[in-house]
N, C-alpha and C. Protein backbone atom coordinates (compact mmCIF):
# COMPACT_ATOMS: atom_id res chain seq x y z
N MET A 1 18.90 -5.07 22.54
CA MET A 1 18.99 -6.27 21.72
C MET A 1 20.06 -6.08 20.65
N THR A 2 21.09 -6.90 20.69
CA THR A 2 22.18 -6.81 19.74
C THR A 2 22.08 -7.96 18.74
N ILE A 3 22.04 -7.63 17.47
CA ILE A 3 21.94 -8.63 16.41
C ILE A 3 23.32 -8.84 15.80
N PRO A 4 23.83 -10.08 15.75
CA PRO A 4 25.14 -10.32 15.14
C PRO A 4 25.18 -9.88 13.68
N ASP A 5 26.32 -9.33 13.26
CA ASP A 5 26.49 -8.88 11.88
C ASP A 5 26.25 -10.02 10.89
N SER A 6 26.61 -11.24 11.29
CA SER A 6 26.45 -12.38 10.38
C SER A 6 24.99 -12.60 10.01
N ARG A 7 24.08 -12.38 10.94
CA ARG A 7 22.66 -12.54 10.65
C ARG A 7 22.14 -11.40 9.79
N LEU A 8 22.63 -10.19 10.03
CA LEU A 8 22.25 -9.06 9.18
C LEU A 8 22.73 -9.28 7.75
N LYS A 9 23.94 -9.81 7.59
CA LYS A 9 24.47 -10.08 6.26
C LYS A 9 23.66 -11.18 5.57
N ALA A 10 23.27 -12.20 6.34
CA ALA A 10 22.45 -13.26 5.77
C ALA A 10 21.10 -12.72 5.31
N LEU A 11 20.53 -11.81 6.09
CA LEU A 11 19.26 -11.19 5.70
C LEU A 11 19.42 -10.40 4.41
N ASP A 12 20.51 -9.65 4.28
CA ASP A 12 20.77 -8.91 3.05
C ASP A 12 20.87 -9.85 1.85
N GLN A 13 21.50 -11.00 2.07
CA GLN A 13 21.62 -11.99 0.99
C GLN A 13 20.25 -12.56 0.61
N LEU A 14 19.39 -12.74 1.60
CA LEU A 14 18.03 -13.21 1.32
C LEU A 14 17.27 -12.19 0.49
N TYR A 15 17.38 -10.93 0.87
CA TYR A 15 16.73 -9.86 0.11
C TYR A 15 17.24 -9.84 -1.33
N ALA A 16 18.57 -9.94 -1.49
CA ALA A 16 19.17 -9.89 -2.82
C ALA A 16 18.73 -11.08 -3.67
N LEU A 17 18.66 -12.26 -3.06
CA LEU A 17 18.23 -13.45 -3.78
C LEU A 17 16.79 -13.29 -4.24
N TYR A 18 15.94 -12.77 -3.38
CA TYR A 18 14.54 -12.57 -3.75
C TYR A 18 14.43 -11.60 -4.92
N ASP A 19 15.19 -10.51 -4.87
CA ASP A 19 15.18 -9.54 -5.98
C ASP A 19 15.64 -10.20 -7.28
N GLN A 20 16.63 -11.06 -7.16
CA GLN A 20 17.16 -11.76 -8.34
C GLN A 20 16.10 -12.69 -8.94
N ILE A 21 15.37 -13.37 -8.08
CA ILE A 21 14.36 -14.33 -8.52
C ILE A 21 13.16 -13.64 -9.14
N THR A 22 12.76 -12.53 -8.55
CA THR A 22 11.50 -11.89 -8.95
C THR A 22 11.68 -10.60 -9.74
N GLY A 23 12.91 -10.18 -9.94
CA GLY A 23 13.17 -8.85 -10.50
C GLY A 23 12.67 -8.61 -11.91
N GLU A 24 12.48 -9.65 -12.70
CA GLU A 24 12.09 -9.46 -14.09
C GLU A 24 10.59 -9.60 -14.33
N ARG A 25 9.81 -9.76 -13.26
CA ARG A 25 8.36 -9.84 -13.43
C ARG A 25 7.79 -8.48 -13.84
N ASP A 26 6.79 -8.51 -14.68
CA ASP A 26 6.14 -7.28 -15.13
C ASP A 26 5.00 -6.96 -14.17
N ILE A 27 5.33 -6.18 -13.12
CA ILE A 27 4.33 -5.87 -12.10
C ILE A 27 3.88 -4.42 -12.22
N ALA A 28 2.73 -4.12 -11.63
CA ALA A 28 2.16 -2.78 -11.72
C ALA A 28 2.71 -1.84 -10.66
N CYS A 29 3.42 -2.36 -9.68
CA CYS A 29 3.89 -1.56 -8.54
C CYS A 29 4.94 -0.54 -8.98
N ARG A 30 4.72 0.72 -8.61
CA ARG A 30 5.63 1.80 -8.92
C ARG A 30 5.72 2.75 -7.73
N LYS A 31 6.70 3.63 -7.73
CA LYS A 31 6.80 4.64 -6.69
C LYS A 31 5.53 5.49 -6.67
N PHE A 32 5.08 5.81 -5.46
CA PHE A 32 3.85 6.56 -5.18
C PHE A 32 2.59 5.72 -5.35
N CYS A 33 2.77 4.42 -5.63
CA CYS A 33 1.64 3.50 -5.59
C CYS A 33 1.67 2.87 -4.20
N ALA A 34 0.80 3.32 -3.32
CA ALA A 34 0.89 2.92 -1.91
C ALA A 34 -0.39 2.29 -1.38
N ASP A 35 -1.19 1.70 -2.27
CA ASP A 35 -2.47 1.12 -1.83
C ASP A 35 -2.28 -0.01 -0.82
N CYS A 36 -1.17 -0.75 -0.92
CA CYS A 36 -0.95 -1.87 0.00
C CYS A 36 -0.16 -1.45 1.23
N CYS A 37 0.23 -0.19 1.31
CA CYS A 37 1.07 0.27 2.43
C CYS A 37 0.19 0.66 3.62
N THR A 38 -0.29 -0.35 4.33
CA THR A 38 -1.17 -0.11 5.47
C THR A 38 -0.38 -0.20 6.78
N CYS A 39 -1.08 0.05 7.87
CA CYS A 39 -0.45 -0.03 9.20
C CYS A 39 -0.36 -1.46 9.70
N ASN A 40 -0.66 -2.45 8.84
CA ASN A 40 -0.74 -3.84 9.27
C ASN A 40 0.50 -4.67 8.94
N VAL A 41 1.57 -4.02 8.49
CA VAL A 41 2.81 -4.73 8.15
C VAL A 41 3.43 -5.35 9.40
N THR A 42 3.94 -6.58 9.27
CA THR A 42 4.67 -7.22 10.37
C THR A 42 6.12 -7.45 9.96
N LEU A 43 6.98 -7.62 10.94
CA LEU A 43 8.38 -7.91 10.68
C LEU A 43 9.01 -8.55 11.90
N THR A 44 10.20 -9.11 11.71
CA THR A 44 10.94 -9.74 12.79
C THR A 44 11.86 -8.74 13.48
N SER A 45 12.37 -9.14 14.63
CA SER A 45 13.36 -8.31 15.33
C SER A 45 14.58 -8.07 14.45
N LEU A 46 14.97 -9.09 13.68
CA LEU A 46 16.13 -8.97 12.80
C LEU A 46 15.90 -7.90 11.74
N GLU A 47 14.71 -7.87 11.17
CA GLU A 47 14.41 -6.87 10.15
C GLU A 47 14.34 -5.46 10.75
N ALA A 48 13.85 -5.37 11.98
CA ALA A 48 13.84 -4.07 12.66
C ALA A 48 15.26 -3.58 12.88
N ALA A 49 16.15 -4.50 13.28
CA ALA A 49 17.56 -4.14 13.48
C ALA A 49 18.20 -3.71 12.16
N ARG A 50 17.79 -4.37 11.06
CA ARG A 50 18.34 -4.00 9.75
C ARG A 50 17.90 -2.60 9.37
N ILE A 51 16.66 -2.26 9.66
CA ILE A 51 16.18 -0.91 9.39
C ILE A 51 17.01 0.11 10.15
N MET A 52 17.22 -0.12 11.44
CA MET A 52 17.96 0.82 12.26
C MET A 52 19.41 0.94 11.81
N ALA A 53 20.01 -0.19 11.39
CA ALA A 53 21.39 -0.18 10.93
C ALA A 53 21.55 0.61 9.63
N GLY A 54 20.46 0.74 8.88
CA GLY A 54 20.53 1.44 7.59
C GLY A 54 20.20 2.92 7.67
N LEU A 55 19.94 3.43 8.89
CA LEU A 55 19.58 4.83 9.05
C LEU A 55 20.68 5.60 9.78
N ASN A 56 20.86 6.87 9.44
CA ASN A 56 21.80 7.70 10.20
C ASN A 56 21.09 8.27 11.43
N ASP A 57 21.80 8.95 12.29
CA ASP A 57 21.23 9.44 13.54
C ASP A 57 20.05 10.38 13.31
N GLY A 58 20.16 11.24 12.32
CA GLY A 58 19.08 12.16 12.01
C GLY A 58 17.83 11.44 11.56
N GLU A 59 18.01 10.43 10.72
CA GLU A 59 16.87 9.65 10.24
C GLU A 59 16.22 8.88 11.37
N LYS A 60 17.03 8.39 12.31
CA LYS A 60 16.48 7.68 13.47
C LYS A 60 15.64 8.62 14.33
N ARG A 61 16.11 9.85 14.50
CA ARG A 61 15.34 10.82 15.30
C ARG A 61 14.01 11.15 14.62
N ASN A 62 14.05 11.29 13.30
CA ASN A 62 12.81 11.58 12.57
C ASN A 62 11.83 10.41 12.65
N LEU A 63 12.38 9.21 12.78
CA LEU A 63 11.56 8.00 12.82
C LEU A 63 10.89 7.82 14.18
N LEU A 64 11.44 8.42 15.19
CA LEU A 64 11.07 8.15 16.58
C LEU A 64 9.58 8.32 16.85
N GLU A 65 8.97 9.39 16.33
CA GLU A 65 7.58 9.68 16.67
C GLU A 65 6.57 8.99 15.74
N LYS A 66 6.99 8.55 14.59
CA LYS A 66 6.05 8.04 13.60
C LYS A 66 5.32 6.77 14.03
N PRO A 67 6.02 5.73 14.51
CA PRO A 67 5.28 4.53 14.92
C PRO A 67 4.35 4.80 16.09
N GLY A 68 4.73 5.74 16.97
CA GLY A 68 3.93 6.02 18.16
C GLY A 68 2.52 6.46 17.83
N LYS A 69 2.33 7.16 16.72
CA LYS A 69 1.00 7.62 16.33
C LYS A 69 0.09 6.43 16.03
N THR A 70 0.63 5.38 15.45
CA THR A 70 -0.16 4.21 15.10
C THR A 70 -0.53 3.41 16.34
N LEU A 71 0.28 3.50 17.39
CA LEU A 71 0.03 2.71 18.60
C LEU A 71 -1.29 3.09 19.26
N LEU A 72 -1.86 4.22 18.90
CA LEU A 72 -3.12 4.68 19.50
C LEU A 72 -4.33 4.16 18.72
N HIS A 73 -4.10 3.46 17.61
CA HIS A 73 -5.20 3.04 16.74
C HIS A 73 -5.16 1.53 16.50
N PRO A 74 -6.25 0.95 16.01
CA PRO A 74 -6.25 -0.48 15.68
C PRO A 74 -5.22 -0.80 14.62
N ARG A 75 -4.61 -1.95 14.71
CA ARG A 75 -3.62 -2.41 13.75
C ARG A 75 -3.51 -3.92 13.89
N PHE A 76 -2.99 -4.57 12.87
CA PHE A 76 -2.86 -6.03 12.92
C PHE A 76 -1.80 -6.43 13.93
N THR A 77 -2.19 -7.30 14.84
CA THR A 77 -1.26 -7.86 15.81
C THR A 77 -1.29 -9.38 15.65
N PRO A 78 -0.24 -10.00 15.12
CA PRO A 78 -0.27 -11.44 14.85
C PRO A 78 -0.38 -12.26 16.13
N LYS A 79 -1.13 -13.36 16.04
CA LYS A 79 -1.26 -14.29 17.16
C LYS A 79 -0.29 -15.47 17.03
N ILE A 80 0.03 -15.82 15.79
CA ILE A 80 1.00 -16.89 15.55
C ILE A 80 1.90 -16.47 14.40
N THR A 81 3.09 -17.05 14.37
CA THR A 81 4.02 -16.79 13.29
C THR A 81 3.75 -17.77 12.14
N LEU A 82 4.39 -17.54 11.00
CA LEU A 82 4.19 -18.40 9.84
C LEU A 82 4.74 -19.81 10.10
N ASN A 83 5.87 -19.91 10.76
CA ASN A 83 6.42 -21.24 11.06
C ASN A 83 5.54 -21.99 12.05
N ARG A 84 4.95 -21.29 12.98
CA ARG A 84 4.02 -21.92 13.91
C ARG A 84 2.77 -22.36 13.17
N LEU A 85 2.32 -21.56 12.21
CA LEU A 85 1.16 -21.93 11.38
C LEU A 85 1.46 -23.22 10.61
N ALA A 86 2.67 -23.32 10.06
CA ALA A 86 3.05 -24.53 9.33
C ALA A 86 3.01 -25.75 10.25
N ASP A 87 3.47 -25.60 11.48
CA ASP A 87 3.42 -26.70 12.45
C ASP A 87 1.98 -27.12 12.72
N ILE A 88 1.10 -26.14 12.91
CA ILE A 88 -0.31 -26.44 13.19
C ILE A 88 -0.95 -27.17 12.00
N CYS A 89 -0.64 -26.71 10.79
CA CYS A 89 -1.18 -27.36 9.60
C CYS A 89 -0.68 -28.80 9.47
N MET A 90 0.59 -29.03 9.76
CA MET A 90 1.16 -30.37 9.68
C MET A 90 0.51 -31.32 10.69
N GLN A 91 0.09 -30.76 11.82
CA GLN A 91 -0.54 -31.56 12.87
C GLN A 91 -2.05 -31.68 12.69
N GLY A 92 -2.59 -31.06 11.63
CA GLY A 92 -4.01 -31.13 11.37
C GLY A 92 -4.85 -30.27 12.28
N GLY A 93 -4.23 -29.27 12.90
CA GLY A 93 -4.95 -28.40 13.83
C GLY A 93 -5.56 -27.19 13.13
N ASP A 94 -6.27 -26.41 13.91
CA ASP A 94 -6.90 -25.20 13.39
C ASP A 94 -6.18 -23.97 13.92
N PRO A 95 -5.69 -23.10 13.05
CA PRO A 95 -5.02 -21.88 13.52
C PRO A 95 -6.03 -20.93 14.13
N PRO A 96 -5.58 -20.03 15.00
CA PRO A 96 -6.50 -19.06 15.59
C PRO A 96 -6.97 -18.04 14.56
N ASP A 97 -8.15 -17.52 14.78
CA ASP A 97 -8.66 -16.45 13.90
C ASP A 97 -7.88 -15.17 14.19
N GLU A 98 -7.56 -14.45 13.11
CA GLU A 98 -6.83 -13.19 13.27
C GLU A 98 -7.59 -12.09 12.55
N GLU A 99 -7.63 -10.93 13.16
CA GLU A 99 -8.38 -9.81 12.60
C GLU A 99 -7.43 -8.84 11.92
N ILE A 100 -7.74 -8.50 10.68
CA ILE A 100 -6.95 -7.53 9.94
C ILE A 100 -7.85 -6.76 8.99
N ASP A 101 -7.65 -5.46 8.92
CA ASP A 101 -8.50 -4.62 8.09
C ASP A 101 -7.64 -3.50 7.50
N PRO A 102 -7.51 -3.44 6.17
CA PRO A 102 -6.70 -2.38 5.55
C PRO A 102 -7.25 -0.99 5.82
N ALA A 103 -8.51 -0.91 6.21
CA ALA A 103 -9.13 0.39 6.48
C ALA A 103 -8.65 0.99 7.80
N TRP A 104 -7.87 0.25 8.58
CA TRP A 104 -7.36 0.77 9.85
C TRP A 104 -6.39 1.93 9.64
N GLY A 105 -5.81 2.04 8.48
CA GLY A 105 -4.94 3.18 8.22
C GLY A 105 -3.71 2.83 7.43
N THR A 106 -2.96 3.85 7.04
CA THR A 106 -1.76 3.67 6.23
C THR A 106 -0.53 3.45 7.12
N CYS A 107 0.53 3.02 6.49
CA CYS A 107 1.80 2.81 7.19
C CYS A 107 2.31 4.15 7.73
N PRO A 108 2.76 4.18 8.99
CA PRO A 108 3.24 5.43 9.56
C PRO A 108 4.53 5.94 8.93
N LEU A 109 5.18 5.11 8.11
CA LEU A 109 6.44 5.51 7.51
C LEU A 109 6.27 6.07 6.10
N LEU A 110 5.02 6.22 5.66
CA LEU A 110 4.75 6.83 4.37
C LEU A 110 4.82 8.35 4.47
N MET A 111 5.32 8.97 3.43
CA MET A 111 5.29 10.43 3.33
C MET A 111 4.99 10.78 1.88
N ASP A 112 3.87 11.43 1.65
CA ASP A 112 3.43 11.76 0.29
C ASP A 112 3.39 10.52 -0.59
N LYS A 113 2.86 9.44 -0.02
CA LYS A 113 2.70 8.15 -0.71
C LYS A 113 4.02 7.50 -1.12
N ALA A 114 5.11 7.88 -0.47
CA ALA A 114 6.42 7.26 -0.73
C ALA A 114 6.99 6.72 0.57
N CYS A 115 7.64 5.58 0.51
CA CYS A 115 8.23 4.94 1.69
C CYS A 115 9.50 5.69 2.10
N THR A 116 9.58 6.07 3.37
CA THR A 116 10.74 6.82 3.86
C THR A 116 11.91 5.92 4.23
N ILE A 117 11.68 4.58 4.23
CA ILE A 117 12.78 3.65 4.54
C ILE A 117 12.90 2.61 3.42
N TYR A 118 12.59 3.00 2.20
CA TYR A 118 12.46 2.04 1.10
C TYR A 118 13.66 1.11 0.96
N ALA A 119 14.86 1.63 1.08
CA ALA A 119 16.07 0.80 0.86
C ALA A 119 16.20 -0.30 1.90
N VAL A 120 15.63 -0.09 3.09
CA VAL A 120 15.77 -1.08 4.17
C VAL A 120 14.40 -1.61 4.61
N ARG A 121 13.39 -1.50 3.78
CA ARG A 121 12.05 -1.96 4.12
C ARG A 121 12.06 -3.47 4.40
N PRO A 122 11.15 -3.93 5.25
CA PRO A 122 11.12 -5.36 5.61
C PRO A 122 10.61 -6.22 4.46
N PHE A 123 10.77 -7.53 4.60
CA PHE A 123 10.41 -8.43 3.51
C PHE A 123 8.91 -8.41 3.23
N GLY A 124 8.10 -8.23 4.27
CA GLY A 124 6.66 -8.18 4.06
C GLY A 124 6.25 -7.11 3.07
N CYS A 125 7.03 -6.03 3.00
CA CYS A 125 6.78 -4.97 2.01
C CYS A 125 7.38 -5.33 0.66
N ARG A 126 8.55 -5.93 0.67
CA ARG A 126 9.23 -6.29 -0.58
C ARG A 126 8.43 -7.29 -1.41
N CYS A 127 7.76 -8.21 -0.73
CA CYS A 127 7.10 -9.29 -1.45
C CYS A 127 5.65 -8.98 -1.81
N MET A 128 5.10 -7.87 -1.33
CA MET A 128 3.72 -7.51 -1.64
C MET A 128 3.67 -6.79 -2.98
N THR A 129 3.45 -7.54 -4.03
CA THR A 129 3.41 -6.99 -5.38
C THR A 129 2.12 -7.42 -6.08
N SER A 130 1.84 -6.78 -7.20
CA SER A 130 0.62 -7.10 -7.93
C SER A 130 0.85 -6.91 -9.43
N PHE A 131 0.23 -7.78 -10.22
CA PHE A 131 0.34 -7.66 -11.67
C PHE A 131 -0.57 -6.55 -12.21
N ARG A 132 -1.57 -6.17 -11.43
CA ARG A 132 -2.45 -5.07 -11.80
C ARG A 132 -2.55 -4.09 -10.64
N LYS A 133 -2.91 -2.85 -10.91
CA LYS A 133 -3.03 -1.86 -9.86
C LYS A 133 -4.09 -2.26 -8.85
N CYS A 134 -3.71 -2.26 -7.58
CA CYS A 134 -4.64 -2.67 -6.53
C CYS A 134 -5.85 -1.73 -6.47
N SER A 135 -5.64 -0.48 -6.85
CA SER A 135 -6.74 0.49 -6.83
C SER A 135 -7.83 0.12 -7.84
N GLU A 136 -7.45 -0.67 -8.86
CA GLU A 136 -8.42 -1.07 -9.88
C GLU A 136 -9.11 -2.38 -9.53
N THR A 137 -8.40 -3.24 -8.82
CA THR A 137 -8.94 -4.57 -8.53
C THR A 137 -9.45 -4.71 -7.10
N GLY A 138 -9.02 -3.83 -6.19
CA GLY A 138 -9.42 -3.93 -4.80
C GLY A 138 -8.55 -4.85 -3.98
N ALA A 139 -7.61 -5.54 -4.62
CA ALA A 139 -6.69 -6.45 -3.93
C ALA A 139 -5.50 -6.72 -4.84
N ALA A 140 -4.42 -7.23 -4.24
CA ALA A 140 -3.23 -7.55 -5.03
C ALA A 140 -3.51 -8.74 -5.94
N ASP A 141 -3.04 -8.67 -7.16
CA ASP A 141 -3.15 -9.75 -8.14
C ASP A 141 -1.81 -10.47 -8.17
N MET A 142 -1.75 -11.59 -7.46
CA MET A 142 -0.49 -12.34 -7.31
C MET A 142 -0.72 -13.81 -7.66
N ASP A 143 0.15 -14.39 -8.45
CA ASP A 143 -0.02 -15.79 -8.82
C ASP A 143 0.34 -16.71 -7.66
N ASP A 144 -0.15 -17.93 -7.70
CA ASP A 144 0.01 -18.87 -6.59
C ASP A 144 1.46 -19.23 -6.32
N PHE A 145 2.27 -19.35 -7.37
CA PHE A 145 3.66 -19.74 -7.15
C PHE A 145 4.43 -18.62 -6.45
N THR A 146 4.19 -17.37 -6.83
CA THR A 146 4.84 -16.24 -6.14
C THR A 146 4.45 -16.24 -4.67
N LEU A 147 3.20 -16.53 -4.37
CA LEU A 147 2.76 -16.60 -2.97
C LEU A 147 3.52 -17.69 -2.22
N THR A 148 3.74 -18.82 -2.87
CA THR A 148 4.50 -19.90 -2.23
C THR A 148 5.95 -19.46 -1.98
N VAL A 149 6.57 -18.82 -2.97
CA VAL A 149 7.94 -18.33 -2.80
C VAL A 149 8.00 -17.33 -1.64
N ASN A 150 7.02 -16.45 -1.57
CA ASN A 150 6.97 -15.48 -0.47
C ASN A 150 6.91 -16.18 0.88
N HIS A 151 6.09 -17.21 0.98
CA HIS A 151 5.98 -17.95 2.24
C HIS A 151 7.32 -18.58 2.63
N VAL A 152 8.00 -19.16 1.65
CA VAL A 152 9.29 -19.82 1.92
C VAL A 152 10.31 -18.80 2.44
N PHE A 153 10.36 -17.64 1.84
CA PHE A 153 11.30 -16.60 2.29
C PHE A 153 10.91 -16.08 3.67
N LEU A 154 9.63 -15.86 3.89
CA LEU A 154 9.19 -15.40 5.21
C LEU A 154 9.52 -16.43 6.29
N GLN A 155 9.33 -17.70 5.99
CA GLN A 155 9.65 -18.76 6.94
C GLN A 155 11.15 -18.82 7.20
N THR A 156 11.94 -18.62 6.15
CA THR A 156 13.40 -18.66 6.30
C THR A 156 13.89 -17.49 7.15
N ILE A 157 13.33 -16.31 6.93
CA ILE A 157 13.71 -15.14 7.72
C ILE A 157 13.32 -15.33 9.17
N GLU A 158 12.14 -15.90 9.41
CA GLU A 158 11.73 -16.17 10.79
C GLU A 158 12.69 -17.16 11.46
N ASN A 159 13.08 -18.18 10.72
CA ASN A 159 14.01 -19.17 11.27
C ASN A 159 15.37 -18.54 11.57
N LEU A 160 15.80 -17.61 10.73
CA LEU A 160 17.06 -16.90 10.95
C LEU A 160 17.01 -16.09 12.24
N ASP A 161 15.80 -15.70 12.63
CA ASP A 161 15.60 -14.88 13.83
C ASP A 161 14.80 -15.65 14.89
N LYS A 162 15.00 -16.98 14.91
CA LYS A 162 14.12 -17.85 15.71
C LYS A 162 14.20 -17.63 17.21
N ASN A 163 15.21 -17.00 17.70
CA ASN A 163 15.31 -16.75 19.14
C ASN A 163 14.74 -15.39 19.54
N GLU A 164 14.17 -14.67 18.56
CA GLU A 164 13.68 -13.32 18.84
C GLU A 164 12.18 -13.22 18.57
N TYR A 165 11.72 -12.09 18.01
CA TYR A 165 10.30 -11.81 18.02
C TYR A 165 9.76 -11.35 16.67
N LEU A 166 8.42 -11.42 16.57
CA LEU A 166 7.67 -10.93 15.41
C LEU A 166 6.57 -10.01 15.93
N GLY A 167 6.27 -8.97 15.17
CA GLY A 167 5.19 -8.08 15.58
C GLY A 167 4.85 -7.07 14.52
N ASN A 168 3.82 -6.29 14.80
CA ASN A 168 3.45 -5.19 13.92
C ASN A 168 4.61 -4.21 13.81
N LEU A 169 4.77 -3.61 12.63
CA LEU A 169 5.88 -2.69 12.40
C LEU A 169 5.93 -1.58 13.45
N SER A 170 4.80 -1.00 13.79
CA SER A 170 4.79 0.10 14.76
C SER A 170 5.22 -0.38 16.14
N ASP A 171 4.71 -1.53 16.57
CA ASP A 171 5.09 -2.07 17.87
C ASP A 171 6.58 -2.42 17.91
N MET A 172 7.06 -3.04 16.83
CA MET A 172 8.46 -3.48 16.80
C MET A 172 9.41 -2.28 16.77
N LEU A 173 9.12 -1.28 15.96
CA LEU A 173 10.00 -0.12 15.88
C LEU A 173 9.94 0.71 17.16
N ALA A 174 8.76 0.84 17.75
CA ALA A 174 8.65 1.56 19.01
C ALA A 174 9.49 0.88 20.09
N GLN A 175 9.46 -0.46 20.10
CA GLN A 175 10.25 -1.23 21.06
C GLN A 175 11.75 -1.05 20.78
N THR A 176 12.11 -1.13 19.51
CA THR A 176 13.52 -1.02 19.12
C THR A 176 14.06 0.38 19.41
N LEU A 177 13.28 1.40 19.06
CA LEU A 177 13.72 2.78 19.26
C LEU A 177 13.85 3.13 20.73
N ALA A 178 12.99 2.52 21.56
CA ALA A 178 13.04 2.79 22.99
C ALA A 178 14.21 2.05 23.65
N LYS A 179 14.80 1.10 22.90
CA LYS A 179 15.93 0.32 23.42
C LYS A 179 15.58 -0.37 24.73
N GLU A 180 14.35 -0.88 24.78
CA GLU A 180 13.91 -1.59 25.97
C GLU A 180 14.12 -3.09 25.77
N ALA A 181 14.28 -3.80 26.87
CA ALA A 181 14.37 -5.24 26.79
C ALA A 181 13.00 -5.79 26.41
N VAL A 182 12.96 -6.74 25.50
CA VAL A 182 11.69 -7.31 25.06
C VAL A 182 11.17 -8.26 26.12
N GLU A 183 9.98 -7.98 26.63
CA GLU A 183 9.33 -8.85 27.61
C GLU A 183 8.02 -9.31 27.00
N PRO A 184 7.92 -10.58 26.58
CA PRO A 184 6.76 -11.03 25.84
C PRO A 184 5.44 -10.88 26.60
N HIS A 185 5.46 -10.92 27.92
CA HIS A 185 4.22 -10.82 28.68
C HIS A 185 3.70 -9.37 28.72
N SER A 186 4.54 -8.43 28.37
CA SER A 186 4.12 -7.02 28.49
C SER A 186 4.13 -6.29 27.16
N THR A 187 4.29 -7.00 26.06
CA THR A 187 4.29 -6.37 24.74
C THR A 187 3.33 -7.11 23.82
N ARG A 188 3.16 -6.58 22.62
CA ARG A 188 2.31 -7.21 21.61
C ARG A 188 3.15 -8.06 20.65
N LEU A 189 4.40 -8.31 21.00
CA LEU A 189 5.28 -9.12 20.16
C LEU A 189 5.15 -10.59 20.53
N ILE A 190 5.38 -11.47 19.55
CA ILE A 190 5.31 -12.91 19.81
C ILE A 190 6.64 -13.56 19.39
N ARG A 191 6.93 -14.69 19.99
CA ARG A 191 8.17 -15.40 19.73
C ARG A 191 8.17 -16.01 18.33
N ASN A 192 9.29 -15.86 17.63
CA ASN A 192 9.48 -16.58 16.38
C ASN A 192 9.64 -18.07 16.66
N SER A 193 9.33 -18.89 15.67
CA SER A 193 9.47 -20.35 15.79
C SER A 193 10.50 -20.84 14.79
N PRO A 194 11.22 -21.92 15.13
CA PRO A 194 12.16 -22.51 14.16
C PRO A 194 11.40 -23.13 12.99
N LEU A 195 12.10 -23.28 11.89
CA LEU A 195 11.50 -23.84 10.68
C LEU A 195 11.51 -25.36 10.75
N SER A 196 10.32 -25.98 10.69
CA SER A 196 10.24 -27.44 10.71
C SER A 196 9.48 -27.99 9.51
N ALA A 197 8.65 -27.16 8.88
CA ALA A 197 7.89 -27.60 7.70
C ALA A 197 7.63 -26.40 6.81
N LEU A 198 7.86 -26.56 5.52
CA LEU A 198 7.64 -25.47 4.56
C LEU A 198 6.22 -25.50 4.01
N LEU A 199 5.64 -24.32 3.84
CA LEU A 199 4.29 -24.20 3.29
C LEU A 199 4.35 -24.21 1.76
N ILE A 200 4.61 -25.40 1.22
CA ILE A 200 4.74 -25.57 -0.23
C ILE A 200 3.73 -26.61 -0.70
N PRO A 201 2.77 -26.24 -1.55
CA PRO A 201 1.82 -27.22 -2.08
C PRO A 201 2.52 -28.20 -3.01
N PRO A 202 2.02 -29.42 -3.13
CA PRO A 202 2.68 -30.45 -3.95
C PRO A 202 2.98 -30.01 -5.38
N GLU A 203 2.07 -29.23 -5.97
CA GLU A 203 2.25 -28.85 -7.38
C GLU A 203 3.40 -27.87 -7.59
N HIS A 204 3.96 -27.31 -6.50
CA HIS A 204 5.05 -26.34 -6.62
C HIS A 204 6.41 -26.92 -6.23
N TRP A 205 6.44 -28.16 -5.75
CA TRP A 205 7.69 -28.72 -5.22
C TRP A 205 8.80 -28.77 -6.27
N GLU A 206 8.50 -29.23 -7.45
CA GLU A 206 9.54 -29.36 -8.49
C GLU A 206 10.05 -27.99 -8.93
N LYS A 207 9.15 -27.06 -9.15
CA LYS A 207 9.53 -25.73 -9.66
C LYS A 207 10.34 -24.94 -8.64
N ILE A 208 10.13 -25.18 -7.35
CA ILE A 208 10.78 -24.36 -6.33
C ILE A 208 12.13 -24.92 -5.91
N GLN A 209 12.50 -26.09 -6.40
CA GLN A 209 13.75 -26.71 -5.96
C GLN A 209 14.99 -25.84 -6.17
N PRO A 210 15.16 -25.16 -7.33
CA PRO A 210 16.34 -24.29 -7.49
C PRO A 210 16.38 -23.16 -6.46
N ILE A 211 15.22 -22.65 -6.07
CA ILE A 211 15.16 -21.59 -5.08
C ILE A 211 15.58 -22.13 -3.71
N LEU A 212 15.11 -23.33 -3.38
CA LEU A 212 15.50 -23.93 -2.10
C LEU A 212 17.01 -24.19 -2.05
N SER A 213 17.57 -24.60 -3.18
CA SER A 213 19.03 -24.82 -3.24
C SER A 213 19.78 -23.53 -3.04
N ALA A 214 19.29 -22.45 -3.64
CA ALA A 214 19.94 -21.14 -3.49
C ALA A 214 19.85 -20.65 -2.04
N LEU A 215 18.72 -20.90 -1.39
CA LEU A 215 18.56 -20.53 0.01
C LEU A 215 19.52 -21.31 0.90
N GLN A 216 19.69 -22.57 0.60
CA GLN A 216 20.58 -23.41 1.39
C GLN A 216 22.04 -23.00 1.25
N ALA A 217 22.36 -22.33 0.14
CA ALA A 217 23.74 -21.90 -0.10
C ALA A 217 24.10 -20.66 0.71
N ILE A 218 23.10 -19.97 1.27
CA ILE A 218 23.36 -18.78 2.09
C ILE A 218 23.76 -19.22 3.50
N ARG A 219 24.86 -18.72 3.98
CA ARG A 219 25.32 -19.08 5.31
C ARG A 219 24.52 -18.33 6.35
N MET A 220 23.78 -19.09 7.17
CA MET A 220 22.90 -18.47 8.15
C MET A 220 23.27 -18.94 9.57
């Protein structure tokens, strides 16, 4: 699977814009705080390609065996993408039930509670923040507007990669590292959907307009 450089550059711009928007928040997240770093992270094919593009050959070899260990254990496998969920909500339908449990284990890319691919981590990791330590509260403390912004960015990234796939980090990296052709009937990956409706509640529409304008300015 070859990802055009233009899409990788657009993804980098999305990451940079998100950092610019959220960079001044006073959050509790720090290095070695890894309570949210579970084996349930998902990402797109584009984000997997970005990870691989940011690693040297030695780092890629070291990465090779790590996702494989998680493949032997339970982990979150998405049934629908966020853009597909938005379509179902717009049509008044019921999304499928999905099973996820943080107790299934930690992210295979953690080492001594530090992320080994931090500079190129996927958006699902970048946007998982908390105003208080998760170890104290049992869950991330995130305000509703930040959650809406996260959804908009996740939907935009999916749309940028709409002809490819979404899946659990371990499944996606194992597929990418093996350099196999993606066959949806034989993998745990699902097709991304194009963006047709944004998951923005009415009370956030006015506040999020500058962010939507900034997103539209990125050439995708």
